[in-house]
Amino acid sequence: MLSRNGITAIARRGYDLLRANSSQVHSVSPKTTTSTQVVVADDGRTLVCWHPEPHIPYEFSLPLPNEKEPNSSAIKSLNGNDIRDVTHLNDMKETLAREELMKMTHTTKHRWFPRLQKKKAKKTPMERPYL
């Protein structure tokens, strides 16, 4: 709680409140620890809180579990367990292979029909070499 003529503080549970007067920091509680601390400026409009990371002994830490990475392949069979054999797509025409890929991956045709404008565009030389 802040008063008009000076800075007074009411300690909350688990906090060490500090008071800042004329560029000095004074502890409100008699026992200052490395736990969370609050500093109030002279005008009472600025509160600065410091809460360092708690120290956990190495004996109490555990290694991260090894998680198995799920198969991220989009081409799976209907039951989801086996990856479909896609070698038969090499022998098919491009349009039929793309249609089958669209059905297998549940995507639109735009994913499998790339735009050829960039490949067919006229390649003009740069006007200036530094561009």
Protein backbone atom coordinates (compact mmCIF):
# COMPACT_ATOMS: atom_id res chain seq x y z
CA MET A 1 0.00 0.00 0.00
CA LEU A 2 1.40 3.44 -0.93
CA SER A 3 0.83 6.56 1.16
CA ARG A 4 1.03 10.20 0.04
CA ASN A 5 3.85 11.45 2.23
CA GLY A 6 6.08 8.41 1.93
CA ILE A 7 6.28 4.90 0.65
CA THR A 8 4.92 2.25 2.93
CA ALA A 9 4.47 -1.33 1.93
CA ILE A 10 2.40 -4.19 3.19
CA ALA A 11 4.14 -7.52 2.69
CA ARG A 12 2.30 -10.23 0.87
CA ARG A 13 2.89 -13.84 1.59
CA GLY A 14 6.09 -15.07 -0.11
CA TYR A 15 7.46 -11.63 -1.07
CA ASP A 16 10.31 -9.59 0.36
CA LEU A 17 9.33 -5.98 -0.18
CA LEU A 18 12.05 -3.43 -0.70
CA ARG A 19 11.82 0.33 -0.54
CA ALA A 20 13.89 2.65 -2.77
CA ASN A 21 14.80 6.00 -1.18
CA SER A 22 17.30 8.42 -2.74
CA SER A 23 18.99 5.81 -4.94
CA GLN A 24 19.39 3.35 -2.06
CA VAL A 25 17.50 0.12 -1.68
CA HIS A 26 16.36 -0.78 1.82
CA SER A 27 14.76 -4.06 2.74
CA VAL A 28 11.42 -3.89 4.52
CA SER A 29 11.78 -7.40 5.90
CA PRO A 30 14.66 -8.12 8.29
CA LYS A 31 15.70 -11.23 6.38
CA THR A 32 16.54 -10.67 2.70
CA THR A 33 16.79 -13.81 0.62
CA THR A 34 17.22 -14.51 -3.07
CA SER A 35 13.48 -15.07 -3.46
CA THR A 36 11.15 -12.67 -5.21
CA GLN A 37 11.70 -9.03 -4.31
CA VAL A 38 9.76 -5.87 -5.11
CA VAL A 39 11.31 -2.38 -5.36
CA VAL A 40 9.17 0.77 -5.27
CA ALA A 41 10.44 4.04 -6.75
CA ASP A 42 10.46 7.31 -4.75
CA ASP A 43 7.40 8.73 -6.48
CA GLY A 44 5.49 5.49 -5.96
CA ARG A 45 4.45 5.10 -9.59
CA THR A 46 7.00 2.44 -10.54
CA LEU A 47 7.22 -1.08 -9.15
CA VAL A 48 10.07 -3.35 -10.17
CA CYS A 49 9.83 -7.06 -9.37
CA TRP A 50 12.77 -9.44 -9.38
CA HIS A 51 12.08 -13.16 -9.39
CA PRO A 52 15.12 -15.29 -10.20
CA GLU A 53 14.85 -18.80 -11.52
CA PRO A 54 14.58 -21.23 -8.60
CA HIS A 55 17.59 -23.41 -7.95
CA ILE A 56 16.81 -27.11 -8.36
CA PRO A 57 19.53 -29.56 -7.34
CA TYR A 58 20.79 -31.89 -10.03
CA GLU A 59 19.76 -34.94 -7.99
CA PHE A 60 16.11 -33.96 -8.33
CA SER A 61 16.21 -33.35 -12.09
CA LEU A 62 15.14 -35.96 -14.61
CA PRO A 63 16.17 -36.35 -18.26
CA LEU A 64 13.62 -35.51 -20.92
CA PRO A 65 11.80 -38.57 -22.22
CA ASN A 66 12.60 -39.72 -25.75
CA GLU A 67 9.42 -39.25 -27.71
CA LYS A 68 8.98 -41.30 -30.83
CA GLU A 69 8.46 -39.03 -33.79
CA PRO A 70 5.27 -39.92 -35.63
CA ASN A 71 5.58 -40.77 -39.28
CA SER A 72 4.97 -37.46 -41.03
CA SER A 73 4.39 -38.97 -44.45
CA ALA A 74 1.21 -37.72 -46.05
CA ILE A 75 0.93 -40.81 -48.23
CA LYS A 76 -0.63 -43.46 -46.00
CA SER A 77 -3.06 -46.24 -46.60
CA LEU A 78 -6.64 -46.06 -45.42
CA ASN A 79 -5.93 -47.76 -42.10
CA GLY A 80 -3.03 -45.34 -41.45
CA ASN A 81 -0.47 -47.98 -40.49
CA ASP A 82 1.32 -48.76 -43.74
CA ILE A 83 2.80 -46.42 -46.29
CA ARG A 84 1.44 -47.08 -49.74
CA ASP A 85 3.71 -48.27 -52.47
CA VAL A 86 4.11 -45.30 -54.80
CA THR A 87 6.54 -46.86 -57.25
CA HIS A 88 3.68 -47.56 -59.67
CA LEU A 89 3.26 -43.79 -60.14
CA ASN A 90 6.53 -43.65 -62.09
CA ASP A 91 5.02 -45.73 -64.90
CA MET A 92 1.81 -43.67 -65.16
CA LYS A 93 1.20 -40.55 -67.17
CA GLU A 94 1.87 -37.31 -65.29
CA THR A 95 -1.76 -36.22 -65.18
CA LEU A 96 -2.98 -39.60 -63.89
CA ALA A 97 -0.19 -39.75 -61.32
CA ARG A 98 -1.08 -36.28 -60.09
CA GLU A 99 -4.75 -37.18 -59.81
CA GLU A 100 -3.88 -40.23 -57.74
CA LEU A 101 -1.58 -38.19 -55.52
CA MET A 102 -4.43 -35.71 -55.02
CA LYS A 103 -6.72 -38.53 -53.90
CA MET A 104 -4.09 -40.11 -51.64
CA THR A 105 -3.11 -36.89 -49.86
CA HIS A 106 -6.53 -35.18 -49.91
CA THR A 107 -5.10 -32.02 -51.46
CA THR A 108 -6.17 -29.81 -54.32
CA LYS A 109 -4.82 -29.96 -57.84
CA HIS A 110 -2.85 -26.77 -57.29
CA ARG A 111 -0.41 -28.62 -55.07
CA TRP A 112 0.47 -31.11 -57.83
CA PHE A 113 0.17 -28.87 -60.89
CA PRO A 114 3.01 -26.36 -60.57
CA ARG A 115 2.82 -23.07 -62.36
CA LEU A 116 4.96 -22.90 -65.43
CA GLN A 117 4.85 -19.12 -65.90
CA LYS A 118 8.11 -18.66 -64.05
CA LYS A 119 9.86 -21.32 -66.13
CA LYS A 120 8.50 -20.03 -69.42
CA ALA A 121 9.00 -16.35 -68.61
CA LYS A 122 11.42 -14.39 -70.72
CA LYS A 123 14.75 -14.15 -68.94
CA THR A 124 15.87 -10.59 -69.47
CA PRO A 125 19.36 -9.56 -68.41
CA MET A 126 19.69 -7.13 -65.53
CA GLU A 127 20.08 -3.52 -66.56
CA ARG A 128 22.71 -2.88 -63.93
CA PRO A 129 25.05 -5.53 -62.59
CA TYR A 130 24.72 -4.36 -58.98
CA LEU A 131 20.99 -5.20 -58.79
